[in-house]
Amino acid sequence: MGSFLRLLFRALGSDFGNQEKRNRLEASGFQRGAMEAVVEAYRRGDYDTALERSKVLRDAGDMASYSFYRGSLLIQVGEEKEAEAWMRRRLESISDARLRALSYGELGHVLMIQQRYDEAMEAFTACLKLWPNRPSSYRNVAECWLRQGDNAGEALKWAMEAVERQRAEQPETEGAKLVHEINLAEELTTLAWAIAANGGDASEVNELVAEAVPLAGEQAVESTAMVHFQAGLAYAVLEDLETSGAYFEEAARVDPQGRWGREARAMMAEVG
């Protein structure tokens, strides 16, 4: 998820909010390398190590940031209830609109995993109100509609909007470019899934997936697995079970410890 990387890159840019907080972090031994270590573990899918390394924020007294990282990482290790509690704690402690938007996005994900779709949609709507130009928020709404399975047309509208807005972005830094490419890859495969659900043909799905997979690359295994998982869902809707199974298998291989690897294994068992 781009929101996790976005917050990490913000931290690596030393955007800790105020001088007092920076002083506490420096006094506790918090260095740029500390968060780089979290990034490194997260990007290779070692979420337990990332959780352990993020404790430097807690030890420095930065509970708002710690709540976000802990909540996001707990989603990956399958601790949804605890993840939800930490994300709600995060929302109680911050006022910045964009930080609240990112937190609502993560809360929406954990609610969606629990199939609490109405609550998830409320969280995604709150995210959009706080940050209306964020493309990933449109993708989140599309996924929520797709998972409910009762309004593919609405899902397609939101997925198309996400891709259009993402393509219009012009990232100015390497960190922003990385997040942009990851987000676009995720959005393209959500769109492929939505197109399939709306009766689109294989050529449209093929084109979107062919663009998405190289963009995701192996920059962050969570997003790589998500892209492959959603591609698998698109081909499953098209009843191309051989291609679908190959994408699910790759998602499970790439991210065996994470959310998407678990979901991929479940789909492989379901479709046989």
C-alpha atoms as a PDB file:
ATOM      1  CA  MET A   1       0.000   0.000   0.000  1.00  0.00           C
ATOM      2  CA  GLY A   2       1.308   3.320  -1.029  1.00  0.00           C
ATOM      3  CA  SER A   3       0.193   5.015   2.192  1.00  0.00           C
ATOM      4  CA  PHE A   4       2.688   3.015   4.261  1.00  0.00           C
ATOM      5  CA  LEU A   5       5.584   3.908   1.962  1.00  0.00           C
ATOM      6  CA  ARG A   6       4.424   7.519   1.721  1.00  0.00           C
ATOM      7  CA  LEU A   7       4.659   7.876   5.512  1.00  0.00           C
ATOM      8  CA  LEU A   8       8.021   6.154   5.623  1.00  0.00           C
ATOM      9  CA  PHE A   9       9.496   8.460   3.002  1.00  0.00           C
ATOM     10  CA  ARG A  10       8.072  11.439   4.857  1.00  0.00           C
ATOM     11  CA  ALA A  11       9.866  10.247   7.985  1.00  0.00           C
ATOM     12  CA  LEU A  12      13.090   9.711   6.095  1.00  0.00           C
ATOM     13  CA  GLY A  13      12.800  13.307   4.962  1.00  0.00           C
ATOM     14  CA  SER A  14      12.954  14.278   8.657  1.00  0.00           C
ATOM     15  CA  ASP A  15       9.381  15.591   8.613  1.00  0.00           C
ATOM     16  CA  PHE A  16       8.664  14.837  12.255  1.00  0.00           C
ATOM     17  CA  GLY A  17       6.274  17.716  12.829  1.00  0.00           C
ATOM     18  CA  ASN A  18       8.137  19.926  15.309  1.00  0.00           C
ATOM     19  CA  GLN A  19      11.551  20.541  16.829  1.00  0.00           C
ATOM     20  CA  GLU A  20      10.640  19.080  20.205  1.00  0.00           C
ATOM     21  CA  LYS A  21       9.710  15.777  18.618  1.00  0.00           C
ATOM     22  CA  ARG A  22      12.913  15.779  16.527  1.00  0.00           C
ATOM     23  CA  ASN A  23      14.932  16.427  19.665  1.00  0.00           C
ATOM     24  CA  ARG A  24      13.310  13.483  21.457  1.00  0.00           C
ATOM     25  CA  LEU A  25      13.989  11.211  18.507  1.00  0.00           C
ATOM     26  CA  GLU A  26      17.619  12.291  18.304  1.00  0.00           C
ATOM     27  CA  ALA A  27      18.065  11.905  22.062  1.00  0.00           C
ATOM     28  CA  SER A  28      16.733   8.353  21.903  1.00  0.00           C
ATOM     29  CA  GLY A  29      19.222   7.420  19.217  1.00  0.00           C
ATOM     30  CA  PHE A  30      16.732   7.696  16.352  1.00  0.00           C
ATOM     31  CA  GLN A  31      18.688   8.107  13.135  1.00  0.00           C
ATOM     32  CA  ARG A  32      17.789   8.125   9.469  1.00  0.00           C
ATOM     33  CA  GLY A  33      19.127   4.585   9.408  1.00  0.00           C
ATOM     34  CA  ALA A  34      16.508   3.449  11.904  1.00  0.00           C
ATOM     35  CA  MET A  35      13.597   4.111   9.578  1.00  0.00           C
ATOM     36  CA  GLU A  36      15.606   2.925   6.591  1.00  0.00           C
ATOM     37  CA  ALA A  37      15.827  -0.368   8.453  1.00  0.00           C
ATOM     38  CA  VAL A  38      12.018  -0.433   8.749  1.00  0.00           C
ATOM     39  CA  VAL A  39      11.711   0.295   5.022  1.00  0.00           C
ATOM     40  CA  GLU A  40      14.172  -2.455   4.179  1.00  0.00           C
ATOM     41  CA  ALA A  41      12.310  -5.087   6.214  1.00  0.00           C
ATOM     42  CA  TYR A  42       8.910  -3.960   4.941  1.00  0.00           C
ATOM     43  CA  ARG A  43       9.941  -3.926   1.298  1.00  0.00           C
ATOM     44  CA  ARG A  44      11.194  -7.519   1.457  1.00  0.00           C
ATOM     45  CA  GLY A  45       8.095  -8.696   3.324  1.00  0.00           C
ATOM     46  CA  ASP A  46       9.666  -9.341   6.725  1.00  0.00           C
ATOM     47  CA  TYR A  47       6.862  -7.702   8.674  1.00  0.00           C
ATOM     48  CA  ASP A  48       7.829  -9.117  12.080  1.00  0.00           C
ATOM     49  CA  THR A  49      11.252  -7.499  11.787  1.00  0.00           C
ATOM     50  CA  ALA A  50       9.693  -4.236  10.595  1.00  0.00           C
ATOM     51  CA  LEU A  51       7.394  -4.280  13.639  1.00  0.00           C
ATOM     52  CA  GLU A  52      10.342  -4.786  15.958  1.00  0.00           C
ATOM     53  CA  ARG A  53      12.418  -2.064  14.319  1.00  0.00           C
ATOM     54  CA  SER A  54       9.550   0.450  14.430  1.00  0.00           C
ATOM     55  CA  LYS A  55       9.637   0.354  18.246  1.00  0.00           C
ATOM     56  CA  VAL A  56      12.251   3.102  18.115  1.00  0.00           C
ATOM     57  CA  LEU A  57       9.317   5.476  17.551  1.00  0.00           C
ATOM     58  CA  ARG A  58       7.508   4.210  20.625  1.00  0.00           C
ATOM     59  CA  ASP A  59      10.681   4.463  22.692  1.00  0.00           C
ATOM     60  CA  ALA A  60      11.098   8.055  21.509  1.00  0.00           C
ATOM     61  CA  GLY A  61       7.573   8.885  22.621  1.00  0.00           C
ATOM     62  CA  ASP A  62       6.228   9.316  19.087  1.00  0.00           C
ATOM     63  CA  MET A  63       3.124   7.232  19.659  1.00  0.00           C
ATOM     64  CA  ALA A  64       1.181   8.806  16.778  1.00  0.00           C
ATOM     65  CA  SER A  65       3.687   7.559  14.184  1.00  0.00           C
ATOM     66  CA  TYR A  66       4.179   4.271  16.003  1.00  0.00           C
ATOM     67  CA  SER A  67       0.417   3.655  15.988  1.00  0.00           C
ATOM     68  CA  PHE A  68       0.284   4.042  12.209  1.00  0.00           C
ATOM     69  CA  TYR A  69       3.237   1.783  11.463  1.00  0.00           C
ATOM     70  CA  ARG A  70       2.190  -0.842  13.988  1.00  0.00           C
ATOM     71  CA  GLY A  71      -1.387  -0.861  12.714  1.00  0.00           C
ATOM     72  CA  SER A  72      -0.299  -1.117   9.068  1.00  0.00           C
ATOM     73  CA  LEU A  73       2.149  -3.925   9.749  1.00  0.00           C
ATOM     74  CA  LEU A  74      -0.318  -5.873  11.893  1.00  0.00           C
ATOM     75  CA  ILE A  75      -2.630  -5.977   8.864  1.00  0.00           C
ATOM     76  CA  GLN A  76       0.113  -7.843   7.038  1.00  0.00           C
ATOM     77  CA  VAL A  77       0.580 -10.458   9.754  1.00  0.00           C
ATOM     78  CA  GLY A  78      -3.159 -11.123  10.037  1.00  0.00           C
ATOM     79  CA  GLU A  79      -3.895  -9.367  13.342  1.00  0.00           C
ATOM     80  CA  GLU A  80      -6.853  -7.362  12.064  1.00  0.00           C
ATOM     81  CA  LYS A  81      -8.563  -6.559  15.363  1.00  0.00           C
ATOM     82  CA  GLU A  82      -5.364  -5.252  16.930  1.00  0.00           C
ATOM     83  CA  ALA A  83      -4.511  -3.378  13.726  1.00  0.00           C
ATOM     84  CA  GLU A  84      -7.897  -1.668  13.828  1.00  0.00           C
ATOM     85  CA  ALA A  85      -7.383  -0.610  17.449  1.00  0.00           C
ATOM     86  CA  TRP A  86      -3.982   0.936  16.683  1.00  0.00           C
ATOM     87  CA  MET A  87      -5.298   2.782  13.635  1.00  0.00           C
ATOM     88  CA  ARG A  88      -8.193   4.229  15.620  1.00  0.00           C
ATOM     89  CA  ARG A  89      -5.700   5.288  18.280  1.00  0.00           C
ATOM     90  CA  ARG A  90      -3.683   6.988  15.561  1.00  0.00           C
ATOM     91  CA  LEU A  91      -6.727   8.919  14.350  1.00  0.00           C
ATOM     92  CA  GLU A  92      -7.406  10.175  17.875  1.00  0.00           C
ATOM     93  CA  SER A  93      -3.924  11.680  18.109  1.00  0.00           C
ATOM     94  CA  ILE A  94      -3.432  13.619  14.846  1.00  0.00           C
ATOM     95  CA  SER A  95      -5.048  16.626  13.204  1.00  0.00           C
ATOM     96  CA  ASP A  96      -3.102  17.014   9.926  1.00  0.00           C
ATOM     97  CA  ALA A  97      -5.568  16.405   7.091  1.00  0.00           C
ATOM     98  CA  ARG A  98      -3.320  14.284   4.869  1.00  0.00           C
ATOM     99  CA  LEU A  99      -2.014  12.168   7.730  1.00  0.00           C
ATOM    100  CA  ARG A 100      -5.584  11.557   8.837  1.00  0.00           C
ATOM    101  CA  ALA A 101      -6.494  10.646   5.249  1.00  0.00           C
ATOM    102  CA  LEU A 102      -3.746   8.020   5.078  1.00  0.00           C
ATOM    103  CA  SER A 103      -4.866   6.617   8.422  1.00  0.00           C
ATOM    104  CA  TYR A 104      -8.495   6.413   7.312  1.00  0.00           C
ATOM    105  CA  GLY A 105      -7.294   4.562   4.225  1.00  0.00           C
ATOM    106  CA  GLU A 106      -5.518   1.951   6.334  1.00  0.00           C
ATOM    107  CA  LEU A 107      -8.527   1.683   8.659  1.00  0.00           C
ATOM    108  CA  GLY A 108     -10.720   1.090   5.624  1.00  0.00           C
ATOM    109  CA  HIS A 109      -8.468  -1.760   4.528  1.00  0.00           C
ATOM    110  CA  VAL A 110      -8.606  -3.540   7.854  1.00  0.00           C
ATOM    111  CA  LEU A 111     -12.401  -3.166   7.978  1.00  0.00           C
ATOM    112  CA  MET A 112     -12.700  -4.453   4.409  1.00  0.00           C
ATOM    113  CA  ILE A 113     -10.637  -7.524   5.264  1.00  0.00           C
ATOM    114  CA  GLN A 114     -13.178  -8.236   8.012  1.00  0.00           C
ATOM    115  CA  GLN A 115     -15.991  -7.849   5.444  1.00  0.00           C
ATOM    116  CA  ARG A 116     -17.359  -4.832   7.285  1.00  0.00           C
ATOM    117  CA  TYR A 117     -17.973  -3.125   3.986  1.00  0.00           C
ATOM    118  CA  ASP A 118     -20.269  -0.308   5.097  1.00  0.00           C
ATOM    119  CA  GLU A 119     -17.764   0.776   7.745  1.00  0.00           C
ATOM    120  CA  ALA A 120     -14.902   0.415   5.289  1.00  0.00           C
ATOM    121  CA  MET A 121     -16.702   2.638   2.802  1.00  0.00           C
ATOM    122  CA  GLU A 122     -17.244   5.244   5.533  1.00  0.00           C
ATOM    123  CA  ALA A 123     -13.503   5.234   6.223  1.00  0.00           C
ATOM    124  CA  PHE A 124     -12.643   5.566   2.525  1.00  0.00           C
ATOM    125  CA  THR A 125     -15.162   8.391   2.172  1.00  0.00           C
ATOM    126  CA  ALA A 126     -13.548  10.202   5.100  1.00  0.00           C
ATOM    127  CA  CYS A 127     -10.185   9.737   3.410  1.00  0.00           C
ATOM    128  CA  LEU A 128     -11.514  11.287   0.196  1.00  0.00           C
ATOM    129  CA  LYS A 129     -12.982  14.280   2.004  1.00  0.00           C
ATOM    130  CA  LEU A 130      -9.654  14.997   3.670  1.00  0.00           C
ATOM    131  CA  TRP A 131      -7.535  14.410   0.550  1.00  0.00           C
ATOM    132  CA  PRO A 132      -9.767  14.480  -2.548  1.00  0.00           C
ATOM    133  CA  ASN A 133      -6.909  14.380  -5.064  1.00  0.00           C
ATOM    134  CA  ARG A 134      -5.335  11.159  -3.786  1.00  0.00           C
ATOM    135  CA  PRO A 135      -5.749   8.520  -6.539  1.00  0.00           C
ATOM    136  CA  SER A 136      -5.361   5.505  -4.241  1.00  0.00           C
ATOM    137  CA  SER A 137      -8.480   6.504  -2.332  1.00  0.00           C
ATOM    138  CA  TYR A 138     -10.524   6.027  -5.503  1.00  0.00           C
ATOM    139  CA  ARG A 139      -8.916   2.613  -5.977  1.00  0.00           C
ATOM    140  CA  ASN A 140      -9.846   1.666  -2.418  1.00  0.00           C
ATOM    141  CA  VAL A 141     -13.513   2.458  -3.067  1.00  0.00           C
ATOM    142  CA  ALA A 142     -13.414   0.402  -6.279  1.00  0.00           C
ATOM    143  CA  GLU A 143     -11.978  -2.588  -4.424  1.00  0.00           C
ATOM    144  CA  CYS A 144     -14.631  -2.291  -1.741  1.00  0.00           C
ATOM    145  CA  TRP A 145     -17.388  -2.448  -4.385  1.00  0.00           C
ATOM    146  CA  LEU A 146     -15.701  -5.393  -6.101  1.00  0.00           C
ATOM    147  CA  ARG A 147     -15.354  -7.361  -2.883  1.00  0.00           C
ATOM    148  CA  GLN A 148     -19.039  -6.881  -2.130  1.00  0.00           C
ATOM    149  CA  GLY A 149     -19.802  -8.220  -5.600  1.00  0.00           C
ATOM    150  CA  ASP A 150     -23.060  -6.366  -6.113  1.00  0.00           C
ATOM    151  CA  ASN A 151     -22.144  -3.242  -8.112  1.00  0.00           C
ATOM    152  CA  ALA A 152     -19.459  -3.877 -10.688  1.00  0.00           C
ATOM    153  CA  GLY A 153     -20.452  -0.761 -12.617  1.00  0.00           C
ATOM    154  CA  GLU A 154     -19.738   1.467  -9.653  1.00  0.00           C
ATOM    155  CA  ALA A 155     -16.422  -0.304  -9.103  1.00  0.00           C
ATOM    156  CA  LEU A 156     -15.428   0.336 -12.717  1.00  0.00           C
ATOM    157  CA  LYS A 157     -16.211   4.047 -12.433  1.00  0.00           C
ATOM    158  CA  TRP A 158     -14.012   4.443  -9.357  1.00  0.00           C
ATOM    159  CA  ALA A 159     -11.190   2.283 -10.751  1.00  0.00           C
ATOM    160  CA  MET A 160     -11.055   4.310 -13.957  1.00  0.00           C
ATOM    161  CA  GLU A 161     -10.940   7.528 -11.950  1.00  0.00           C
ATOM    162  CA  ALA A 162      -8.051   6.188  -9.855  1.00  0.00           C
ATOM    163  CA  VAL A 163      -5.950   5.342 -12.926  1.00  0.00           C
ATOM    164  CA  GLU A 164      -6.728   8.637 -14.641  1.00  0.00           C
ATOM    165  CA  ARG A 165      -5.742  10.664 -11.586  1.00  0.00           C
ATOM    166  CA  GLN A 166      -2.583   8.609 -11.004  1.00  0.00           C
ATOM    167  CA  ARG A 167      -1.415   9.019 -14.598  1.00  0.00           C
ATOM    168  CA  ALA A 168      -1.829  12.783 -14.248  1.00  0.00           C
ATOM    169  CA  GLU A 169       0.583  12.966 -11.309  1.00  0.00           C
ATOM    170  CA  GLN A 170       4.137  14.161 -11.925  1.00  0.00           C
ATOM    171  CA  PRO A 171       6.375  12.966  -9.085  1.00  0.00           C
ATOM    172  CA  GLU A 172       9.347  15.199  -8.424  1.00  0.00           C
ATOM    173  CA  THR A 173      11.553  13.029  -6.206  1.00  0.00           C
ATOM    174  CA  GLU A 174      12.787   9.443  -6.352  1.00  0.00           C
ATOM    175  CA  GLY A 175      10.707   8.539  -3.310  1.00  0.00           C
ATOM    176  CA  ALA A 176       7.599  10.067  -4.842  1.00  0.00           C
ATOM    177  CA  LYS A 177       8.292   8.274  -8.136  1.00  0.00           C
ATOM    178  CA  LEU A 178       8.542   4.945  -6.326  1.00  0.00           C
ATOM    179  CA  VAL A 179       5.201   5.475  -4.578  1.00  0.00           C
ATOM    180  CA  HIS A 180       3.643   6.682  -7.863  1.00  0.00           C
ATOM    181  CA  GLU A 181       4.709   3.563  -9.756  1.00  0.00           C
ATOM    182  CA  ILE A 182       3.543   1.234  -6.993  1.00  0.00           C
ATOM    183  CA  ASN A 183       0.186   2.977  -6.750  1.00  0.00           C
ATOM    184  CA  LEU A 184      -0.321   2.957 -10.521  1.00  0.00           C
ATOM    185  CA  ALA A 185       0.455  -0.760 -10.685  1.00  0.00           C
ATOM    186  CA  GLU A 186      -2.110  -1.466  -7.963  1.00  0.00           C
ATOM    187  CA  GLU A 187      -4.702   0.743  -9.640  1.00  0.00           C
ATOM    188  CA  LEU A 188      -4.197  -0.836 -13.060  1.00  0.00           C
ATOM    189  CA  THR A 189      -4.908  -4.334 -11.755  1.00  0.00           C
ATOM    190  CA  THR A 190      -7.923  -3.116  -9.788  1.00  0.00           C
ATOM    191  CA  LEU A 191      -9.157  -1.677 -13.081  1.00  0.00           C
ATOM    192  CA  ALA A 192      -8.450  -4.990 -14.816  1.00  0.00           C
ATOM    193  CA  TRP A 193     -10.513  -6.780 -12.170  1.00  0.00           C
ATOM    194  CA  ALA A 194     -13.348  -4.253 -12.553  1.00  0.00           C
ATOM    195  CA  ILE A 195     -13.312  -4.539 -16.350  1.00  0.00           C
ATOM    196  CA  ALA A 196     -13.533  -8.322 -16.103  1.00  0.00           C
ATOM    197  CA  ALA A 197     -16.397  -8.023 -13.606  1.00  0.00           C
ATOM    198  CA  ASN A 198     -18.227  -5.795 -16.099  1.00  0.00           C
ATOM    199  CA  GLY A 199     -17.980  -8.314 -18.919  1.00  0.00           C
ATOM    200  CA  GLY A 200     -14.837  -6.924 -20.554  1.00  0.00           C
ATOM    201  CA  ASP A 201     -12.754  -9.166 -22.739  1.00  0.00           C
ATOM    202  CA  ALA A 202      -9.367 -10.712 -22.118  1.00  0.00           C
ATOM    203  CA  SER A 203      -7.501  -8.285 -24.378  1.00  0.00           C
ATOM    204  CA  GLU A 204      -8.356  -5.348 -22.111  1.00  0.00           C
ATOM    205  CA  VAL A 205      -7.284  -7.259 -19.023  1.00  0.00           C
ATOM    206  CA  ASN A 206      -4.098  -8.450 -20.708  1.00  0.00           C
ATOM    207  CA  GLU A 207      -3.099  -4.906 -21.618  1.00  0.00           C
ATOM    208  CA  LEU A 208      -3.587  -3.537 -18.106  1.00  0.00           C
ATOM    209  CA  VAL A 209      -1.833  -6.432 -16.395  1.00  0.00           C
ATOM    210  CA  ALA A 210       1.092  -6.231 -18.839  1.00  0.00           C
ATOM    211  CA  GLU A 211       1.603  -2.604 -17.859  1.00  0.00           C
ATOM    212  CA  ALA A 212       1.129  -3.137 -14.136  1.00  0.00           C
ATOM    213  CA  VAL A 213       3.466  -6.049 -13.460  1.00  0.00           C
ATOM    214  CA  PRO A 214       6.713  -4.329 -14.590  1.00  0.00           C
ATOM    215  CA  LEU A 215       5.722  -1.140 -12.737  1.00  0.00           C
ATOM    216  CA  ALA A 216       5.334  -3.067  -9.495  1.00  0.00           C
ATOM    217  CA  GLY A 217       8.559  -4.952 -10.104  1.00  0.00           C
ATOM    218  CA  GLU A 218       9.945  -6.058  -6.773  1.00  0.00           C
ATOM    219  CA  GLN A 219      10.130  -2.642  -5.151  1.00  0.00           C
ATOM    220  CA  ALA A 220       7.908  -3.744  -2.261  1.00  0.00           C
ATOM    221  CA  VAL A 221       6.803  -7.357  -2.072  1.00  0.00           C
ATOM    222  CA  GLU A 222       3.438  -6.433  -0.535  1.00  0.00           C
ATOM    223  CA  SER A 223       2.475  -4.369  -3.568  1.00  0.00           C
ATOM    224  CA  THR A 224       3.986  -6.881  -5.985  1.00  0.00           C
ATOM    225  CA  ALA A 225       1.868  -9.599  -4.420  1.00  0.00           C
ATOM    226  CA  MET A 226      -1.221  -7.378  -4.474  1.00  0.00           C
ATOM    227  CA  VAL A 227      -0.771  -6.725  -8.194  1.00  0.00           C
ATOM    228  CA  HIS A 228      -0.451 -10.437  -8.938  1.00  0.00           C
ATOM    229  CA  PHE A 229      -3.382 -11.280  -6.674  1.00  0.00           C
ATOM    230  CA  GLN A 230      -5.691  -8.785  -8.360  1.00  0.00           C
ATOM    231  CA  ALA A 231      -4.557  -9.994 -11.781  1.00  0.00           C
ATOM    232  CA  GLY A 232      -5.489 -13.485 -10.627  1.00  0.00           C
ATOM    233  CA  LEU A 233      -8.934 -12.264  -9.618  1.00  0.00           C
ATOM    234  CA  ALA A 234      -9.439 -10.617 -13.015  1.00  0.00           C
ATOM    235  CA  TYR A 235      -8.590 -13.827 -14.870  1.00  0.00           C
ATOM    236  CA  ALA A 236     -10.722 -15.870 -12.463  1.00  0.00           C
ATOM    237  CA  VAL A 237     -13.718 -13.698 -13.407  1.00  0.00           C
ATOM    238  CA  LEU A 238     -12.865 -14.363 -17.059  1.00  0.00           C
ATOM    239  CA  GLU A 239     -12.834 -18.094 -16.179  1.00  0.00           C
ATOM    240  CA  ASP A 240      -9.222 -18.433 -17.330  1.00  0.00           C
ATOM    241  CA  LEU A 241      -8.295 -20.586 -14.356  1.00  0.00           C
ATOM    242  CA  GLU A 242      -4.841 -21.545 -15.636  1.00  0.00           C
ATOM    243  CA  THR A 243      -3.693 -17.931 -15.919  1.00  0.00           C
ATOM    244  CA  SER A 244      -5.508 -16.992 -12.734  1.00  0.00           C
ATOM    245  CA  GLY A 245      -3.816 -19.784 -10.810  1.00  0.00           C
ATOM    246  CA  ALA A 246      -0.391 -18.743 -12.069  1.00  0.00           C
ATOM    247  CA  TYR A 247      -0.889 -15.205 -10.750  1.00  0.00           C
ATOM    248  CA  PHE A 248      -2.189 -16.452  -7.394  1.00  0.00           C
ATOM    249  CA  GLU A 249       0.803 -18.772  -7.129  1.00  0.00           C
ATOM    250  CA  GLU A 250       3.179 -15.890  -7.804  1.00  0.00           C
ATOM    251  CA  ALA A 251       1.472 -13.685  -5.200  1.00  0.00           C
ATOM    252  CA  ALA A 252       1.831 -16.452  -2.610  1.00  0.00           C
ATOM    253  CA  ARG A 253       5.464 -17.015  -3.533  1.00  0.00           C
ATOM    254  CA  VAL A 254       6.437 -13.341  -3.454  1.00  0.00           C
ATOM    255  CA  ASP A 255       4.792 -12.472  -0.136  1.00  0.00           C
ATOM    256  CA  PRO A 256       4.363 -15.657   1.916  1.00  0.00           C
ATOM    257  CA  GLN A 257       4.099 -13.815   5.245  1.00  0.00           C
ATOM    258  CA  GLY A 258       1.749 -11.056   4.138  1.00  0.00           C
ATOM    259  CA  ARG A 259      -1.925 -10.411   3.555  1.00  0.00           C
ATOM    260  CA  TRP A 260      -1.887 -10.927  -0.195  1.00  0.00           C
ATOM    261  CA  GLY A 261       0.012 -14.189   0.020  1.00  0.00           C
ATOM    262  CA  ARG A 262      -2.596 -15.504   2.459  1.00  0.00           C
ATOM    263  CA  GLU A 263      -5.470 -14.372   0.247  1.00  0.00           C
ATOM    264  CA  ALA A 264      -3.796 -15.909  -2.792  1.00  0.00           C
ATOM    265  CA  ARG A 265      -3.392 -19.273  -1.055  1.00  0.00           C
ATOM    266  CA  ALA A 266      -7.066 -19.163  -0.069  1.00  0.00           C
ATOM    267  CA  MET A 267      -8.095 -18.485  -3.676  1.00  0.00           C
ATOM    268  CA  MET A 268      -5.858 -21.284  -4.953  1.00  0.00           C
ATOM    269  CA  ALA A 269      -7.608 -23.679  -2.578  1.00  0.00           C
ATOM    270  CA  GLU A 270     -11.026 -22.373  -3.629  1.00  0.00           C
ATOM    271  CA  VAL A 271     -10.530 -22.673  -7.379  1.00  0.00           C
ATOM    272  CA  GLY A 272      -8.580 -25.900  -7.107  1.00  0.00           C
END
